[in-house]
Amino acid sequence: MNFDIEGDKLGFGTDLFSDQKTLVESIGINDLNAELGKISSHLVHESYMLRKISE
């Protein structure tokens, strides 16, 4: 695609051809899965509000 990303990271992604560690390499797969499995109170609230509006 011919573009550069400063710092070799974008969102959760890391350029695999860079010297930067990926998120899994940095914190480990078990810790990553634990963090991704946490429930966000903000998302729960927004979901509740959307349901109330659509009722």
Protein backbone atom coordinates (compact mmCIF):
# COMPACT_ATOMS: atom_id res chain seq x y z
CA MET A 1 0.00 0.00 0.00
CA ASN A 2 3.09 2.18 0.21
CA PHE A 3 2.57 4.18 3.41
CA ASP A 4 4.49 4.52 6.66
CA ILE A 5 3.10 4.26 10.17
CA GLU A 6 5.09 6.24 12.70
CA GLY A 7 6.31 4.03 15.54
CA ASP A 8 5.36 0.80 13.72
CA LYS A 9 2.11 0.53 15.71
CA LEU A 10 -1.51 1.28 14.86
CA GLY A 11 -4.27 0.47 17.33
CA PHE A 12 -3.49 -2.97 18.74
CA GLY A 13 -1.47 -3.89 15.66
CA THR A 14 2.28 -3.89 15.23
CA ASP A 15 4.23 -4.02 12.00
CA LEU A 16 5.52 -7.61 12.03
CA PHE A 17 8.61 -6.56 10.07
CA SER A 18 9.65 -4.03 12.72
CA ASP A 19 11.72 -4.50 15.87
CA GLN A 20 8.68 -3.63 18.04
CA LYS A 21 7.07 -6.36 20.14
CA THR A 22 3.47 -7.31 19.42
CA LEU A 23 0.92 -7.07 22.22
CA VAL A 24 1.05 -10.85 22.73
CA GLU A 25 4.86 -10.75 22.90
CA SER A 26 4.73 -7.84 25.36
CA ILE A 27 2.19 -9.11 27.90
CA GLY A 28 1.62 -12.75 26.96
CA ILE A 29 -1.41 -14.51 25.52
CA ASN A 30 -2.99 -15.32 28.90
CA ASP A 31 -2.90 -11.71 30.13
CA LEU A 32 -4.16 -10.45 26.77
CA ASN A 33 -7.09 -12.88 26.86
CA ALA A 34 -7.88 -11.83 30.43
CA GLU A 35 -7.91 -8.14 29.49
CA LEU A 36 -10.04 -8.71 26.40
CA GLY A 37 -12.49 -10.74 28.47
CA LYS A 38 -13.17 -7.92 30.93
CA ILE A 39 -16.56 -6.24 30.72
CA SER A 40 -16.46 -2.52 30.02
CA SER A 41 -18.88 -0.62 32.28
CA HIS A 42 -19.05 2.12 29.64
CA LEU A 43 -20.17 -0.35 26.94
CA VAL A 44 -22.69 -1.93 29.31
CA HIS A 45 -24.15 1.52 30.04
CA GLU A 46 -24.29 2.49 26.35
CA SER A 47 -25.94 -0.82 25.47
CA TYR A 48 -28.55 -0.25 28.19
CA MET A 49 -29.24 3.27 26.94
CA LEU A 50 -29.64 2.08 23.35
CA ARG A 51 -32.14 -0.57 24.43
CA LYS A 52 -34.12 2.01 26.42
CA ILE A 53 -34.29 4.33 23.39
CA SER A 54 -35.48 1.57 21.06
CA GLU A 55 -38.29 0.41 23.38
